[in-house]
Protein backbone atom coordinates (compact mmCIF):
# COMPACT_ATOMS: atom_id res chain seq x y z
CA MET A 1 173.60 -58.76 -21.79
CA GLU A 2 173.06 -60.56 -18.73
CA GLN A 3 177.08 -62.16 -20.11
CA ARG A 4 178.73 -57.81 -19.64
CA LEU A 5 176.95 -58.70 -16.04
CA SER A 6 177.72 -61.38 -14.84
CA ALA A 7 181.62 -60.82 -16.87
CA THR A 8 183.54 -59.09 -14.39
CA LYS A 9 187.97 -59.82 -13.86
CA GLU A 10 189.01 -59.89 -10.96
CA GLY A 11 188.91 -56.44 -8.80
CA GLU A 12 187.23 -55.06 -10.80
CA GLU A 13 184.25 -53.44 -9.53
CA HIS A 14 180.63 -54.05 -11.06
CA ASN A 15 179.09 -52.25 -13.65
CA SER A 16 175.48 -50.94 -13.06
CA MET A 17 172.48 -52.35 -14.89
CA THR A 18 172.17 -48.58 -15.14
CA GLN A 19 176.16 -48.33 -17.19
CA ILE A 20 175.29 -52.07 -18.96
CA VAL A 21 172.36 -51.49 -20.58
CA ALA A 22 173.79 -47.84 -22.00
CA ASN A 23 176.68 -49.93 -23.18
CA VAL A 24 174.16 -51.95 -24.84
CA LEU A 25 172.07 -50.10 -26.32
CA ALA A 26 175.34 -48.54 -27.89
CA THR A 27 176.34 -50.96 -29.38
CA ASN A 28 173.51 -52.22 -31.14
CA THR A 29 170.67 -48.58 -31.94
CA LYS A 30 172.17 -46.25 -34.58
CA LYS A 31 170.52 -43.65 -32.10
CA ASN A 32 170.00 -44.69 -29.07
CA GLN A 33 166.81 -42.43 -26.92
CA PHE A 34 165.51 -44.10 -24.18
CA LEU A 35 167.99 -42.86 -21.23
CA GLN A 36 168.33 -39.55 -22.15
CA ASN A 37 164.67 -40.56 -22.39
CA VAL A 38 164.28 -41.38 -18.82
CA GLY A 39 166.88 -39.30 -17.47
CA PHE A 40 169.98 -41.82 -17.12
CA GLN A 41 172.25 -40.15 -19.69
CA ARG A 42 173.56 -37.24 -20.85
CA VAL A 43 172.72 -35.48 -24.25
CA GLY A 44 175.52 -35.60 -26.15
CA ALA A 45 176.14 -40.26 -25.40
CA ARG A 46 180.72 -41.33 -25.41
CA SER A 47 181.85 -42.07 -28.09
CA SER A 48 183.28 -45.96 -27.77
CA LEU A 49 186.83 -44.07 -28.18
CA GLN A 50 186.00 -41.44 -25.83
CA THR A 51 184.99 -43.21 -23.48
CA VAL A 52 188.50 -45.82 -23.74
CA GLN A 53 190.42 -42.84 -23.14
CA ALA A 54 188.62 -41.65 -20.40
CA GLN A 55 188.93 -44.62 -19.29
CA LEU A 56 192.96 -44.81 -19.71
CA GLU A 57 193.70 -41.18 -18.53
CA ALA A 58 191.07 -42.47 -15.43
CA GLU A 59 193.24 -45.68 -15.19
CA LYS A 60 196.88 -43.06 -15.37
CA ALA A 61 195.79 -40.96 -12.46
CA GLU A 62 194.58 -44.49 -10.11
CA LYS A 63 198.70 -45.51 -11.67
CA VAL A 64 200.41 -42.00 -10.48
CA GLU A 65 198.00 -41.74 -6.91
CA MET A 66 198.91 -45.47 -6.26
CA SER A 67 202.96 -44.75 -6.93
CA LYS A 68 202.61 -42.08 -4.40
CA GLN A 69 200.49 -44.06 -1.33
CA VAL A 70 203.40 -47.07 -2.24
CA GLU A 71 206.91 -44.41 -1.94
CA GLU A 72 204.53 -42.90 1.51
CA MET A 73 204.17 -47.46 2.89
CA LYS A 74 208.32 -47.43 1.91
CA LYS A 75 209.18 -43.65 4.11
CA LYS A 76 207.40 -45.20 6.49
CA GLN A 77 208.57 -48.87 6.49
CA ALA A 78 212.20 -47.79 6.00
CA ASP A 79 211.60 -44.96 9.68
CA LEU A 80 209.36 -47.65 11.54
CA GLU A 81 212.39 -50.29 10.49
CA ALA A 82 215.21 -47.41 12.14
CA LYS A 83 213.90 -46.83 14.90
CA LEU A 84 213.66 -50.97 15.54
CA GLN A 85 216.71 -50.80 15.12
CA LEU A 86 217.77 -48.05 18.17
CA VAL A 87 215.26 -50.16 20.80
CA LEU A 88 216.68 -53.46 19.50
CA SER A 89 220.93 -51.76 20.26
CA LYS A 90 219.33 -49.65 23.58
CA ASP A 91 218.13 -53.24 24.81
CA GLN A 92 220.93 -54.71 23.47
CA SER A 93 223.19 -52.49 25.16
CA SER A 94 220.43 -52.60 28.75
CA GLU A 95 221.56 -56.76 29.08
CA VAL A 96 224.63 -56.32 29.16
CA ASN A 97 225.47 -53.79 32.21
C-alpha cells in the first residue's frame, strides 16, 4: 500500500488514501465490505476492466479538450503575430517619413 502511495508518475495526481485502500482491498479480498460499511465506496464496485475503460474514456476526453486548447492558442498566436507585423510595418513607415 505504501508503494502505491509513493509510486506516482510525473505529472499524475496522487491518489487519495481512500482510493489506495480501496484498490488494495479490491485486489486482495474476494468480497470487500469494509469501505462500503464505513461509507467510502458505493455498492456495486467496478471491475478492473470497467475501471480501466473509465480511465481511458476520461483520458480521451482530456485529450480532446487539450487539443481544442492547443488550437485556440495557435489561433491567438497567429492573431498576435499579425498584429505585431502591422505595428512593426507602421513603425518602419513612420521612421522613413
